[in-house]
Amino acid sequence: MNKIIVYCDVNFEQKSLENVSYEIISKAYDLIKDINENLSDDMKYVIEAVALCDEISPQYIKKAFQAGAGRFVLIKDKSLENFSQCVFSKCFCEYFNQNPSPIILFGATQIGRIVAPRITTILNTGLVADCTGLDIAYEEGKIKLLATRPTFGSELMATILSKTNPQCATIRPKTFIAKFDKDIAGQLFEFHPTSYEETRIKFLRRILDNSSDAVDFSNAKIVLSGGFGLNDGKDKKYFLRLEQLANLVGAKVGASRKVVDFGLMPQSAQIGQTGSTTTADVYVAFGISGAIQHICGMKNCKTIIAINTDENAEIFKYADYKIVEDAKALIDDMLATFI
């Protein structure tokens, strides 16, 4: 059987799959649909969702079939109850060596960015990281992965073809839409690894961060983001006022890298290439100059509003609405309308 493997991100607390897994499954299904039309039944490709965990709740496996997976493989072992990059990578590679595939797709998540390089190193193959586009070509009985990613600080988009198999890529979350409209009678399999070795890294305990510092932009509708232009050289006054404004309008608070580097906002609030990506309906940039690193994380928002005293600020090139004004004064004025 021909197949494309999607390495699924697992939420270990909820025994569920993260949404990025469904996004990739749906996209991969759409890509092979046209190819399969010209192939005999024994040559057709299926999407195989592979998850490593001691247990996955059945409703999330069903969602994988509805997203487009024809097979779901649960690599199951007590050692997979908690994430360990060494153990997980070795267990996956044991399965893959017995059940190879020409393509493996990962989510560009915290876990995906850890295991994908380790897995591809073990398999002696390449990896196209942080992709924002995928396509698949079928030539001379073989499929080729065309993985597109930003390059030169997101100034250009490069489409990369791997020379080695398996062809592997990590895909940014929210790049594709998860569609649960398939009527697939998928097959469920279990695989029990045996050959991995114990590692010197031991899991002790899990501490959940439920503090207000932990910011999740995945489903944010409105993001108010502060740059170094809000720094008054004394304290976090205007970042606290920005948080106050965000609470009033039901928004999440983001920040540029320089703000995080100076300790004015937590790292989890960072928007950009080395931070989080947001596709919010409304993104408001207060005092952000518009470095390419930051633009990577917010340029796909539906409406972008930028406030800066410099009318030539780089951020204005990406803004739908441009306001040449002191961002601090504007925050004061906006809060005054609520209080």
C-alpha atoms as a PDB file:
ATOM      1  CA  MET A   1       0.000   0.000   0.000  1.00  0.00           C
ATOM      2  CA  ASN A   2       1.216   3.490  -0.859  1.00  0.00           C
ATOM      3  CA  LYS A   3       0.863   6.090   1.873  1.00  0.00           C
ATOM      4  CA  ILE A   4       1.869   9.492   3.179  1.00  0.00           C
ATOM      5  CA  ILE A   5       2.570   9.696   6.905  1.00  0.00           C
ATOM      6  CA  VAL A   6       1.400  12.591   9.062  1.00  0.00           C
ATOM      7  CA  TYR A   7       3.154  12.684  12.439  1.00  0.00           C
ATOM      8  CA  CYS A   8       0.379  13.801  14.798  1.00  0.00           C
ATOM      9  CA  ASP A   9       0.854  16.230  17.662  1.00  0.00           C
ATOM     10  CA  VAL A  10      -0.654  14.872  20.879  1.00  0.00           C
ATOM     11  CA  ASN A  11      -2.146  16.743  23.811  1.00  0.00           C
ATOM     12  CA  PHE A  12      -1.045  14.409  26.587  1.00  0.00           C
ATOM     13  CA  GLU A  13      -3.367  15.879  29.207  1.00  0.00           C
ATOM     14  CA  GLN A  14      -6.532  15.472  27.129  1.00  0.00           C
ATOM     15  CA  LYS A  15      -5.429  12.348  25.210  1.00  0.00           C
ATOM     16  CA  SER A  16      -6.329  14.224  22.030  1.00  0.00           C
ATOM     17  CA  LEU A  17      -4.719  15.435  18.821  1.00  0.00           C
ATOM     18  CA  GLU A  18      -3.757  19.066  18.277  1.00  0.00           C
ATOM     19  CA  ASN A  19      -5.615  20.832  15.486  1.00  0.00           C
ATOM     20  CA  VAL A  20      -2.483  21.220  13.340  1.00  0.00           C
ATOM     21  CA  SER A  21      -2.559  17.441  12.778  1.00  0.00           C
ATOM     22  CA  TYR A  22      -6.037  17.648  11.265  1.00  0.00           C
ATOM     23  CA  GLU A  23      -4.963  20.636   9.155  1.00  0.00           C
ATOM     24  CA  ILE A  24      -2.099  18.649   7.616  1.00  0.00           C
ATOM     25  CA  ILE A  25      -4.211  15.513   7.133  1.00  0.00           C
ATOM     26  CA  SER A  26      -6.870  17.539   5.273  1.00  0.00           C
ATOM     27  CA  LYS A  27      -4.287  19.215   3.035  1.00  0.00           C
ATOM     28  CA  ALA A  28      -2.494  15.945   2.265  1.00  0.00           C
ATOM     29  CA  TYR A  29      -5.815  14.280   1.414  1.00  0.00           C
ATOM     30  CA  ASP A  30      -6.649  17.070  -1.044  1.00  0.00           C
ATOM     31  CA  LEU A  31      -3.222  16.771  -2.658  1.00  0.00           C
ATOM     32  CA  ILE A  32      -3.414  13.030  -3.342  1.00  0.00           C
ATOM     33  CA  LYS A  33      -7.066  13.024  -4.410  1.00  0.00           C
ATOM     34  CA  ASP A  34      -6.316  14.002  -8.017  1.00  0.00           C
ATOM     35  CA  ILE A  35      -3.289  11.708  -8.174  1.00  0.00           C
ATOM     36  CA  ASN A  36      -5.362   8.723  -7.014  1.00  0.00           C
ATOM     37  CA  GLU A  37      -7.894   9.230  -9.810  1.00  0.00           C
ATOM     38  CA  ASN A  38      -5.302   8.062 -12.330  1.00  0.00           C
ATOM     39  CA  LEU A  39      -4.010   5.097 -10.307  1.00  0.00           C
ATOM     40  CA  SER A  40      -5.260   1.542  -9.937  1.00  0.00           C
ATOM     41  CA  ASP A  41      -6.716   0.562  -6.564  1.00  0.00           C
ATOM     42  CA  ASP A  42      -3.573  -1.268  -5.465  1.00  0.00           C
ATOM     43  CA  MET A  43      -1.428   1.780  -6.269  1.00  0.00           C
ATOM     44  CA  LYS A  44      -3.546   4.479  -4.656  1.00  0.00           C
ATOM     45  CA  TYR A  45      -2.157   6.559  -1.785  1.00  0.00           C
ATOM     46  CA  VAL A  46      -3.746   6.868   1.644  1.00  0.00           C
ATOM     47  CA  ILE A  47      -3.011   9.314   4.427  1.00  0.00           C
ATOM     48  CA  GLU A  48      -1.693   7.548   7.498  1.00  0.00           C
ATOM     49  CA  ALA A  49      -1.969   9.450  10.770  1.00  0.00           C
ATOM     50  CA  VAL A  50       0.640   8.272  13.290  1.00  0.00           C
ATOM     51  CA  ALA A  51       0.393   9.242  16.953  1.00  0.00           C
ATOM     52  CA  LEU A  52       2.710   8.280  19.804  1.00  0.00           C
ATOM     53  CA  CYS A  53       0.919   8.048  23.144  1.00  0.00           C
ATOM     54  CA  ASP A  54      -0.188   5.507  25.713  1.00  0.00           C
ATOM     55  CA  GLU A  55      -3.798   6.295  24.773  1.00  0.00           C
ATOM     56  CA  ILE A  56      -5.883   8.460  22.413  1.00  0.00           C
ATOM     57  CA  SER A  57      -9.596   9.035  23.008  1.00  0.00           C
ATOM     58  CA  PRO A  58     -11.681   7.415  20.212  1.00  0.00           C
ATOM     59  CA  GLN A  59     -13.466  10.633  19.165  1.00  0.00           C
ATOM     60  CA  TYR A  60     -10.152  12.193  18.114  1.00  0.00           C
ATOM     61  CA  ILE A  61      -9.265   9.166  16.013  1.00  0.00           C
ATOM     62  CA  LYS A  62     -12.679   9.465  14.349  1.00  0.00           C
ATOM     63  CA  LYS A  63     -11.932  13.127  13.594  1.00  0.00           C
ATOM     64  CA  ALA A  64      -8.702  12.048  11.866  1.00  0.00           C
ATOM     65  CA  PHE A  65     -10.729   9.796   9.555  1.00  0.00           C
ATOM     66  CA  GLN A  66     -13.191  12.627   8.911  1.00  0.00           C
ATOM     67  CA  ALA A  67     -10.264  14.920   8.051  1.00  0.00           C
ATOM     68  CA  GLY A  68      -8.999  12.459   5.424  1.00  0.00           C
ATOM     69  CA  ALA A  69      -6.881   9.769   7.080  1.00  0.00           C
ATOM     70  CA  GLY A  70      -7.383   6.284   5.676  1.00  0.00           C
ATOM     71  CA  ARG A  71      -5.279   4.700   8.413  1.00  0.00           C
ATOM     72  CA  PHE A  72      -4.586   5.640  12.012  1.00  0.00           C
ATOM     73  CA  VAL A  73      -1.595   4.088  13.750  1.00  0.00           C
ATOM     74  CA  LEU A  74      -1.228   4.417  17.505  1.00  0.00           C
ATOM     75  CA  ILE A  75       2.342   3.717  18.546  1.00  0.00           C
ATOM     76  CA  LYS A  76       1.537   2.603  22.043  1.00  0.00           C
ATOM     77  CA  ASP A  77       3.752   2.040  25.061  1.00  0.00           C
ATOM     78  CA  LYS A  78       3.739   3.028  28.722  1.00  0.00           C
ATOM     79  CA  SER A  79       6.966   4.953  28.114  1.00  0.00           C
ATOM     80  CA  LEU A  80       5.024   7.258  25.750  1.00  0.00           C
ATOM     81  CA  GLU A  81       2.758   8.563  28.496  1.00  0.00           C
ATOM     82  CA  ASN A  82       4.969  11.663  28.749  1.00  0.00           C
ATOM     83  CA  PHE A  83       6.967  13.300  25.984  1.00  0.00           C
ATOM     84  CA  SER A  84      10.642  12.441  25.601  1.00  0.00           C
ATOM     85  CA  GLN A  85      12.342  13.487  22.384  1.00  0.00           C
ATOM     86  CA  CYS A  86      14.802  10.581  22.403  1.00  0.00           C
ATOM     87  CA  VAL A  87      12.270   7.848  23.164  1.00  0.00           C
ATOM     88  CA  PHE A  88       9.618   9.238  20.811  1.00  0.00           C
ATOM     89  CA  SER A  89      12.064   9.606  17.930  1.00  0.00           C
ATOM     90  CA  LYS A  90      13.408   6.075  18.320  1.00  0.00           C
ATOM     91  CA  CYS A  91       9.934   4.557  18.630  1.00  0.00           C
ATOM     92  CA  PHE A  92       8.728   6.340  15.509  1.00  0.00           C
ATOM     93  CA  CYS A  93      11.808   5.301  13.533  1.00  0.00           C
ATOM     94  CA  GLU A  94      11.327   1.682  14.591  1.00  0.00           C
ATOM     95  CA  TYR A  95       7.800   1.819  13.192  1.00  0.00           C
ATOM     96  CA  PHE A  96       8.875   3.655  10.038  1.00  0.00           C
ATOM     97  CA  ASN A  97      11.665   1.212   9.222  1.00  0.00           C
ATOM     98  CA  GLN A  98       9.080  -1.576   9.200  1.00  0.00           C
ATOM     99  CA  ASN A  99       6.431   0.530   7.419  1.00  0.00           C
ATOM    100  CA  PRO A 100       8.205   3.028   5.147  1.00  0.00           C
ATOM    101  CA  SER A 101       6.627   5.919   3.287  1.00  0.00           C
ATOM    102  CA  PRO A 102       8.051   8.375   0.730  1.00  0.00           C
ATOM    103  CA  ILE A 103       6.747  11.414   2.635  1.00  0.00           C
ATOM    104  CA  ILE A 104       6.490  12.371   6.322  1.00  0.00           C
ATOM    105  CA  LEU A 105       4.756  15.604   7.367  1.00  0.00           C
ATOM    106  CA  PHE A 106       5.097  17.204  10.804  1.00  0.00           C
ATOM    107  CA  GLY A 107       3.498  20.206  12.458  1.00  0.00           C
ATOM    108  CA  ALA A 108       5.921  23.083  13.080  1.00  0.00           C
ATOM    109  CA  THR A 109       4.949  23.067  16.748  1.00  0.00           C
ATOM    110  CA  GLN A 110       7.085  22.941  19.854  1.00  0.00           C
ATOM    111  CA  ILE A 111       7.119  19.131  19.760  1.00  0.00           C
ATOM    112  CA  GLY A 112       7.288  18.899  15.953  1.00  0.00           C
ATOM    113  CA  ARG A 113      10.321  21.168  15.811  1.00  0.00           C
ATOM    114  CA  ILE A 114      12.064  18.937  18.339  1.00  0.00           C
ATOM    115  CA  VAL A 115      11.314  15.473  16.940  1.00  0.00           C
ATOM    116  CA  ALA A 116      11.413  16.193  13.190  1.00  0.00           C
ATOM    117  CA  PRO A 117      15.159  17.035  13.039  1.00  0.00           C
ATOM    118  CA  ARG A 118      16.004  14.076  15.293  1.00  0.00           C
ATOM    119  CA  ILE A 119      13.878  11.643  13.261  1.00  0.00           C
ATOM    120  CA  THR A 120      15.264  12.830   9.916  1.00  0.00           C
ATOM    121  CA  THR A 121      18.807  12.570  11.252  1.00  0.00           C
ATOM    122  CA  ILE A 122      18.203   8.966  12.340  1.00  0.00           C
ATOM    123  CA  LEU A 123      16.652   8.209   8.929  1.00  0.00           C
ATOM    124  CA  ASN A 124      19.543   9.979   7.163  1.00  0.00           C
ATOM    125  CA  THR A 125      17.299  12.259   5.143  1.00  0.00           C
ATOM    126  CA  GLY A 126      16.554  15.956   4.737  1.00  0.00           C
ATOM    127  CA  LEU A 127      13.952  18.277   6.241  1.00  0.00           C
ATOM    128  CA  VAL A 128      12.257  21.400   4.895  1.00  0.00           C
ATOM    129  CA  ALA A 129      11.341  23.410   7.975  1.00  0.00           C
ATOM    130  CA  ASP A 130       8.559  25.882   8.749  1.00  0.00           C
ATOM    131  CA  CYS A 131       6.620  25.505   5.490  1.00  0.00           C
ATOM    132  CA  THR A 132       3.662  27.651   4.496  1.00  0.00           C
ATOM    133  CA  GLY A 133       2.789  25.785   1.301  1.00  0.00           C
ATOM    134  CA  LEU A 134       2.672  22.181   0.070  1.00  0.00           C
ATOM    135  CA  ASP A 135       2.132  20.439  -3.241  1.00  0.00           C
ATOM    136  CA  ILE A 136       2.724  16.930  -4.528  1.00  0.00           C
ATOM    137  CA  ALA A 137       3.762  15.945  -8.047  1.00  0.00           C
ATOM    138  CA  TYR A 138       3.500  12.449  -9.495  1.00  0.00           C
ATOM    139  CA  GLU A 139       6.116  11.497 -12.075  1.00  0.00           C
ATOM    140  CA  GLU A 140       7.258   8.133 -13.396  1.00  0.00           C
ATOM    141  CA  GLY A 141       5.464   6.213 -10.671  1.00  0.00           C
ATOM    142  CA  LYS A 142       6.871   8.313  -7.817  1.00  0.00           C
ATOM    143  CA  ILE A 143       5.503  11.199  -5.789  1.00  0.00           C
ATOM    144  CA  LYS A 144       7.542  14.322  -5.170  1.00  0.00           C
ATOM    145  CA  LEU A 145       6.930  16.714  -2.284  1.00  0.00           C
ATOM    146  CA  LEU A 146       7.101  20.388  -3.204  1.00  0.00           C
ATOM    147  CA  ALA A 147       7.515  22.245   0.091  1.00  0.00           C
ATOM    148  CA  THR A 148       7.342  26.040   0.103  1.00  0.00           C
ATOM    149  CA  ARG A 149       8.792  28.169   2.885  1.00  0.00           C
ATOM    150  CA  PRO A 150       9.792  31.815   3.456  1.00  0.00           C
ATOM    151  CA  THR A 151      13.416  32.707   2.876  1.00  0.00           C
ATOM    152  CA  PHE A 152      15.600  35.836   3.009  1.00  0.00           C
ATOM    153  CA  GLY A 153      13.642  37.100   5.993  1.00  0.00           C
ATOM    154  CA  SER A 154      10.319  36.262   4.324  1.00  0.00           C
ATOM    155  CA  GLU A 155      11.131  38.527   1.375  1.00  0.00           C
ATOM    156  CA  LEU A 156      10.994  35.527  -0.975  1.00  0.00           C
ATOM    157  CA  MET A 157       9.207  32.176  -1.035  1.00  0.00           C
ATOM    158  CA  ALA A 158      11.288  29.138  -1.963  1.00  0.00           C
ATOM    159  CA  THR A 159       9.842  25.819  -3.184  1.00  0.00           C
ATOM    160  CA  ILE A 160      12.182  22.990  -2.233  1.00  0.00           C
ATOM    161  CA  LEU A 161      12.374  19.437  -3.585  1.00  0.00           C
ATOM    162  CA  SER A 162      14.246  16.906  -1.471  1.00  0.00           C
ATOM    163  CA  LYS A 163      16.872  14.664  -3.042  1.00  0.00           C
ATOM    164  CA  THR A 164      16.500  11.956  -0.404  1.00  0.00           C
ATOM    165  CA  ASN A 165      13.671   9.740   0.843  1.00  0.00           C
ATOM    166  CA  PRO A 166      11.659  10.010   2.931  1.00  0.00           C
ATOM    167  CA  GLN A 167      10.840  13.565   1.928  1.00  0.00           C
ATOM    168  CA  CYS A 168      10.044  15.459   5.130  1.00  0.00           C
ATOM    169  CA  ALA A 169       8.648  18.868   6.063  1.00  0.00           C
ATOM    170  CA  THR A 170       7.291  20.743   9.053  1.00  0.00           C
ATOM    171  CA  ILE A 171       4.215  22.914   8.436  1.00  0.00           C
ATOM    172  CA  ARG A 172       3.215  25.980  10.391  1.00  0.00           C
ATOM    173  CA  PRO A 173      -0.045  25.669  12.347  1.00  0.00           C
ATOM    174  CA  LYS A 174      -3.076  27.437  10.831  1.00  0.00           C
ATOM    175  CA  THR A 175      -1.479  27.386   7.367  1.00  0.00           C
ATOM    176  CA  PHE A 176      -4.269  25.095   6.116  1.00  0.00           C
ATOM    177  CA  ILE A 177      -7.893  24.574   7.109  1.00  0.00           C
ATOM    178  CA  ALA A 178      -8.966  21.365   8.824  1.00  0.00           C
ATOM    179  CA  LYS A 179     -12.061  20.011   7.051  1.00  0.00           C
ATOM    180  CA  PHE A 180     -14.043  17.209   8.677  1.00  0.00           C
ATOM    181  CA  ASP A 181     -16.316  16.367   5.749  1.00  0.00           C
ATOM    182  CA  LYS A 182     -14.875  13.009   4.652  1.00  0.00           C
ATOM    183  CA  ASP A 183     -16.800   9.743   4.878  1.00  0.00           C
ATOM    184  CA  ILE A 184     -13.854   7.389   5.247  1.00  0.00           C
ATOM    185  CA  ALA A 185     -14.061   3.983   6.905  1.00  0.00           C
ATOM    186  CA  GLY A 186     -10.532   4.279   8.216  1.00  0.00           C
ATOM    187  CA  GLN A 187      -8.486   1.455   9.694  1.00  0.00           C
ATOM    188  CA  LEU A 188      -7.053   1.621  13.208  1.00  0.00           C
ATOM    189  CA  PHE A 189      -3.789  -0.145  14.046  1.00  0.00           C
ATOM    190  CA  GLU A 190      -1.577  -0.387  17.103  1.00  0.00           C
ATOM    191  CA  PHE A 191       2.197  -0.720  17.067  1.00  0.00           C
ATOM    192  CA  HIS A 192       4.167  -1.688  20.157  1.00  0.00           C
ATOM    193  CA  PRO A 193       7.835  -0.648  19.937  1.00  0.00           C
ATOM    194  CA  THR A 194      10.485  -2.937  21.392  1.00  0.00           C
ATOM    195  CA  SER A 195      13.938  -1.812  20.301  1.00  0.00           C
ATOM    196  CA  TYR A 196      14.319   1.649  21.815  1.00  0.00           C
ATOM    197  CA  GLU A 197      16.769   2.174  24.662  1.00  0.00           C
ATOM    198  CA  GLU A 198      16.258   4.009  27.913  1.00  0.00           C
ATOM    199  CA  THR A 199      17.722   7.494  27.839  1.00  0.00           C
ATOM    200  CA  ARG A 200      19.587   9.500  30.436  1.00  0.00           C
ATOM    201  CA  ILE A 201      16.715  12.004  30.436  1.00  0.00           C
ATOM    202  CA  LYS A 202      14.069  11.042  32.984  1.00  0.00           C
ATOM    203  CA  PHE A 203      10.598  12.534  33.316  1.00  0.00           C
ATOM    204  CA  LEU A 204       9.984  13.748  36.849  1.00  0.00           C
ATOM    205  CA  ARG A 205       6.711  15.664  36.792  1.00  0.00           C
ATOM    206  CA  ARG A 206       4.565  17.938  34.649  1.00  0.00           C
ATOM    207  CA  ILE A 207       3.912  21.515  35.796  1.00  0.00           C
ATOM    208  CA  LEU A 208       1.132  23.264  33.917  1.00  0.00           C
ATOM    209  CA  ASP A 209       1.529  27.001  33.345  1.00  0.00           C
ATOM    210  CA  ASN A 210      -1.857  28.475  34.156  1.00  0.00           C
ATOM    211  CA  SER A 211      -0.508  31.951  34.798  1.00  0.00           C
ATOM    212  CA  SER A 212      -1.565  35.040  32.902  1.00  0.00           C
ATOM    213  CA  ASP A 213       1.911  35.086  31.324  1.00  0.00           C
ATOM    214  CA  ALA A 214       1.031  32.134  29.083  1.00  0.00           C
ATOM    215  CA  VAL A 215      -0.421  33.534  25.850  1.00  0.00           C
ATOM    216  CA  ASP A 216      -2.138  31.400  23.202  1.00  0.00           C
ATOM    217  CA  PHE A 217      -2.662  33.162  19.877  1.00  0.00           C
ATOM    218  CA  SER A 218      -4.045  30.140  18.007  1.00  0.00           C
ATOM    219  CA  ASN A 219      -7.685  31.256  18.201  1.00  0.00           C
ATOM    220  CA  ALA A 220      -7.239  34.980  18.872  1.00  0.00           C
ATOM    221  CA  LYS A 221      -9.663  37.245  17.012  1.00  0.00           C
ATOM    222  CA  ILE A 222      -8.043  40.518  18.086  1.00  0.00           C
ATOM    223  CA  VAL A 223      -4.377  41.024  18.977  1.00  0.00           C
ATOM    224  CA  LEU A 224      -2.978  44.258  20.423  1.00  0.00           C
ATOM    225  CA  SER A 225       0.773  44.128  20.088  1.00  0.00           C
ATOM    226  CA  GLY A 226       3.289  46.461  21.727  1.00  0.00           C
ATOM    227  CA  GLY A 227       6.702  47.428  20.432  1.00  0.00           C
ATOM    228  CA  PHE A 228       9.661  49.256  21.922  1.00  0.00           C
ATOM    229  CA  GLY A 229       7.907  52.506  21.084  1.00  0.00           C
ATOM    230  CA  LEU A 230       5.819  51.934  24.231  1.00  0.00           C
ATOM    231  CA  ASN A 231       8.916  51.868  26.422  1.00  0.00           C
ATOM    232  CA  ASP A 232       9.183  55.023  28.533  1.00  0.00           C
ATOM    233  CA  GLY A 233      12.523  54.065  30.062  1.00  0.00           C
ATOM    234  CA  LYS A 234      11.126  53.733  33.579  1.00  0.00           C
ATOM    235  CA  ASP A 235       8.738  50.838  33.982  1.00  0.00           C
ATOM    236  CA  LYS A 236       6.134  48.702  32.196  1.00  0.00           C
ATOM    237  CA  LYS A 237       3.447  51.355  32.508  1.00  0.00           C
ATOM    238  CA  TYR A 238       2.262  51.337  28.922  1.00  0.00           C
ATOM    239  CA  PHE A 239       2.470  47.592  28.537  1.00  0.00           C
ATOM    240  CA  LEU A 240       0.237  47.274  31.590  1.00  0.00           C
ATOM    241  CA  ARG A 241      -2.102  49.857  30.067  1.00  0.00           C
ATOM    242  CA  LEU A 242      -2.090  47.877  26.814  1.00  0.00           C
ATOM    243  CA  GLU A 243      -3.142  44.779  28.764  1.00  0.00           C
ATOM    244  CA  GLN A 244      -5.883  46.824  30.397  1.00  0.00           C
ATOM    245  CA  LEU A 245      -7.119  47.946  26.984  1.00  0.00           C
ATOM    246  CA  ALA A 246      -6.973  44.353  25.682  1.00  0.00           C
ATOM    247  CA  ASN A 247      -9.133  43.133  28.574  1.00  0.00           C
ATOM    248  CA  LEU A 248     -11.731  45.780  27.750  1.00  0.00           C
ATOM    249  CA  VAL A 249     -11.995  44.780  24.067  1.00  0.00           C
ATOM    250  CA  GLY A 250     -11.494  41.022  24.473  1.00  0.00           C
ATOM    251  CA  ALA A 251      -8.071  40.896  22.837  1.00  0.00           C
ATOM    252  CA  LYS A 252      -4.782  39.045  23.334  1.00  0.00           C
ATOM    253  CA  VAL A 253      -1.594  41.036  23.984  1.00  0.00           C
ATOM    254  CA  GLY A 254       1.459  40.442  21.823  1.00  0.00           C
ATOM    255  CA  ALA A 255       4.926  41.969  21.701  1.00  0.00           C
ATOM    256  CA  SER A 256       7.945  42.425  19.477  1.00  0.00           C
ATOM    257  CA  ARG A 257      11.206  40.590  20.164  1.00  0.00           C
ATOM    258  CA  LYS A 258      13.027  43.665  21.484  1.00  0.00           C
ATOM    259  CA  VAL A 259      10.303  44.165  24.081  1.00  0.00           C
ATOM    260  CA  VAL A 260      10.711  40.548  25.231  1.00  0.00           C
ATOM    261  CA  ASP A 261      14.518  40.796  25.225  1.00  0.00           C
ATOM    262  CA  PHE A 262      14.301  43.785  27.587  1.00  0.00           C
ATOM    263  CA  GLY A 263      12.006  41.868  29.940  1.00  0.00           C
ATOM    264  CA  LEU A 264       9.008  44.121  29.377  1.00  0.00           C
ATOM    265  CA  MET A 265       6.756  41.243  28.269  1.00  0.00           C
ATOM    266  CA  PRO A 266       7.009  37.435  28.670  1.00  0.00           C
ATOM    267  CA  GLN A 267       8.478  35.340  25.888  1.00  0.00           C
ATOM    268  CA  SER A 268       5.112  33.656  25.298  1.00  0.00           C
ATOM    269  CA  ALA A 269       3.782  37.028  24.085  1.00  0.00           C
ATOM    270  CA  GLN A 270       6.390  37.339  21.339  1.00  0.00           C
ATOM    271  CA  ILE A 271       5.047  37.534  17.786  1.00  0.00           C
ATOM    272  CA  GLY A 272       7.487  36.718  15.023  1.00  0.00           C
ATOM    273  CA  GLN A 273       9.777  34.199  13.417  1.00  0.00           C
ATOM    274  CA  THR A 274      11.146  32.949  16.747  1.00  0.00           C
ATOM    275  CA  GLY A 275       7.865  33.506  18.582  1.00  0.00           C
ATOM    276  CA  SER A 276       4.216  32.829  17.813  1.00  0.00           C
ATOM    277  CA  THR A 277       2.294  33.255  14.580  1.00  0.00           C
ATOM    278  CA  THR A 278      -1.161  34.807  14.534  1.00  0.00           C
ATOM    279  CA  THR A 279      -3.816  35.052  11.851  1.00  0.00           C
ATOM    280  CA  ALA A 280      -6.151  37.224  13.914  1.00  0.00           C
ATOM    281  CA  ASP A 281      -9.063  39.091  12.355  1.00  0.00           C
ATOM    282  CA  VAL A 282      -7.629  42.373  13.665  1.00  0.00           C
ATOM    283  CA  TYR A 283      -3.987  43.039  14.527  1.00  0.00           C
ATOM    284  CA  VAL A 284      -3.046  46.413  16.032  1.00  0.00           C
ATOM    285  CA  ALA A 285       0.663  47.269  16.259  1.00  0.00           C
ATOM    286  CA  PHE A 286       1.441  49.946  18.850  1.00  0.00           C
ATOM    287  CA  GLY A 287       4.913  51.436  18.439  1.00  0.00           C
ATOM    288  CA  ILE A 288       6.318  48.555  16.384  1.00  0.00           C
ATOM    289  CA  SER A 289       8.865  49.490  13.717  1.00  0.00           C
ATOM    290  CA  GLY A 290       8.253  46.408  11.569  1.00  0.00           C
ATOM    291  CA  ALA A 291      11.396  44.270  11.554  1.00  0.00           C
ATOM    292  CA  ILE A 292      11.114  41.338   9.154  1.00  0.00           C
ATOM    293  CA  GLN A 293      11.375  38.930  12.094  1.00  0.00           C
ATOM    294  CA  HIS A 294       8.156  40.387  13.516  1.00  0.00           C
ATOM    295  CA  ILE A 295       6.369  40.649  10.164  1.00  0.00           C
ATOM    296  CA  CYS A 296       6.712  36.860   9.687  1.00  0.00           C
ATOM    297  CA  GLY A 297       4.411  36.290  12.636  1.00  0.00           C
ATOM    298  CA  MET A 298       1.547  38.651  11.781  1.00  0.00           C
ATOM    299  CA  LYS A 299       1.470  39.492   8.086  1.00  0.00           C
ATOM    300  CA  ASN A 300      -1.365  37.004   7.409  1.00  0.00           C
ATOM    301  CA  CYS A 301      -3.802  38.710   9.777  1.00  0.00           C
ATOM    302  CA  LYS A 302      -6.991  39.830   8.028  1.00  0.00           C
ATOM    303  CA  THR A 303      -6.793  43.506   9.042  1.00  0.00           C
ATOM    304  CA  ILE A 304      -3.585  45.177  10.226  1.00  0.00           C
ATOM    305  CA  ILE A 305      -3.586  48.569  11.938  1.00  0.00           C
ATOM    306  CA  ALA A 306      -0.237  50.219  12.690  1.00  0.00           C
ATOM    307  CA  ILE A 307       0.463  53.190  14.953  1.00  0.00           C
ATOM    308  CA  ASN A 308       3.898  54.805  14.831  1.00  0.00           C
ATOM    309  CA  THR A 309       5.382  58.306  15.012  1.00  0.00           C
ATOM    310  CA  ASP A 310       7.661  57.521  12.059  1.00  0.00           C
ATOM    311  CA  GLU A 311       5.639  57.856   8.872  1.00  0.00           C
ATOM    312  CA  ASN A 312       8.292  55.793   7.052  1.00  0.00           C
ATOM    313  CA  ALA A 313       8.188  52.898   9.497  1.00  0.00           C
ATOM    314  CA  GLU A 314       8.503  49.518   7.796  1.00  0.00           C
ATOM    315  CA  ILE A 315       5.336  48.260   9.513  1.00  0.00           C
ATOM    316  CA  PHE A 316       3.238  50.628   7.386  1.00  0.00           C
ATOM    317  CA  LYS A 317       4.091  48.614   4.243  1.00  0.00           C
ATOM    318  CA  TYR A 318       2.014  45.762   5.639  1.00  0.00           C
ATOM    319  CA  ALA A 319      -0.746  47.782   7.293  1.00  0.00           C
ATOM    320  CA  ASP A 320      -4.290  48.197   5.994  1.00  0.00           C
ATOM    321  CA  TYR A 321      -4.653  51.300   8.172  1.00  0.00           C
ATOM    322  CA  LYS A 322      -1.767  53.674   8.966  1.00  0.00           C
ATOM    323  CA  ILE A 323      -1.860  56.045  11.953  1.00  0.00           C
ATOM    324  CA  VAL A 324       1.061  58.450  12.372  1.00  0.00           C
ATOM    325  CA  GLU A 325       0.738  59.169  16.077  1.00  0.00           C
ATOM    326  CA  ASP A 326       2.373  58.563  19.446  1.00  0.00           C
ATOM    327  CA  ALA A 327       1.193  55.062  20.373  1.00  0.00           C
ATOM    328  CA  LYS A 328       1.371  55.848  24.094  1.00  0.00           C
ATOM    329  CA  ALA A 329      -0.890  58.879  23.728  1.00  0.00           C
ATOM    330  CA  LEU A 330      -3.321  56.850  21.618  1.00  0.00           C
ATOM    331  CA  ILE A 331      -3.555  54.152  24.288  1.00  0.00           C
ATOM    332  CA  ASP A 332      -4.332  56.857  26.854  1.00  0.00           C
ATOM    333  CA  ASP A 333      -7.069  58.286  24.604  1.00  0.00           C
ATOM    334  CA  MET A 334      -8.595  54.855  23.956  1.00  0.00           C
ATOM    335  CA  LEU A 335      -8.668  53.959  27.637  1.00  0.00           C
ATOM    336  CA  ALA A 336     -10.266  57.322  28.422  1.00  0.00           C
ATOM    337  CA  THR A 337     -13.223  56.385  26.227  1.00  0.00           C
ATOM    338  CA  PHE A 338     -13.881  53.291  28.376  1.00  0.00           C
ATOM    339  CA  ILE A 339     -13.203  54.717  31.817  1.00  0.00           C
END
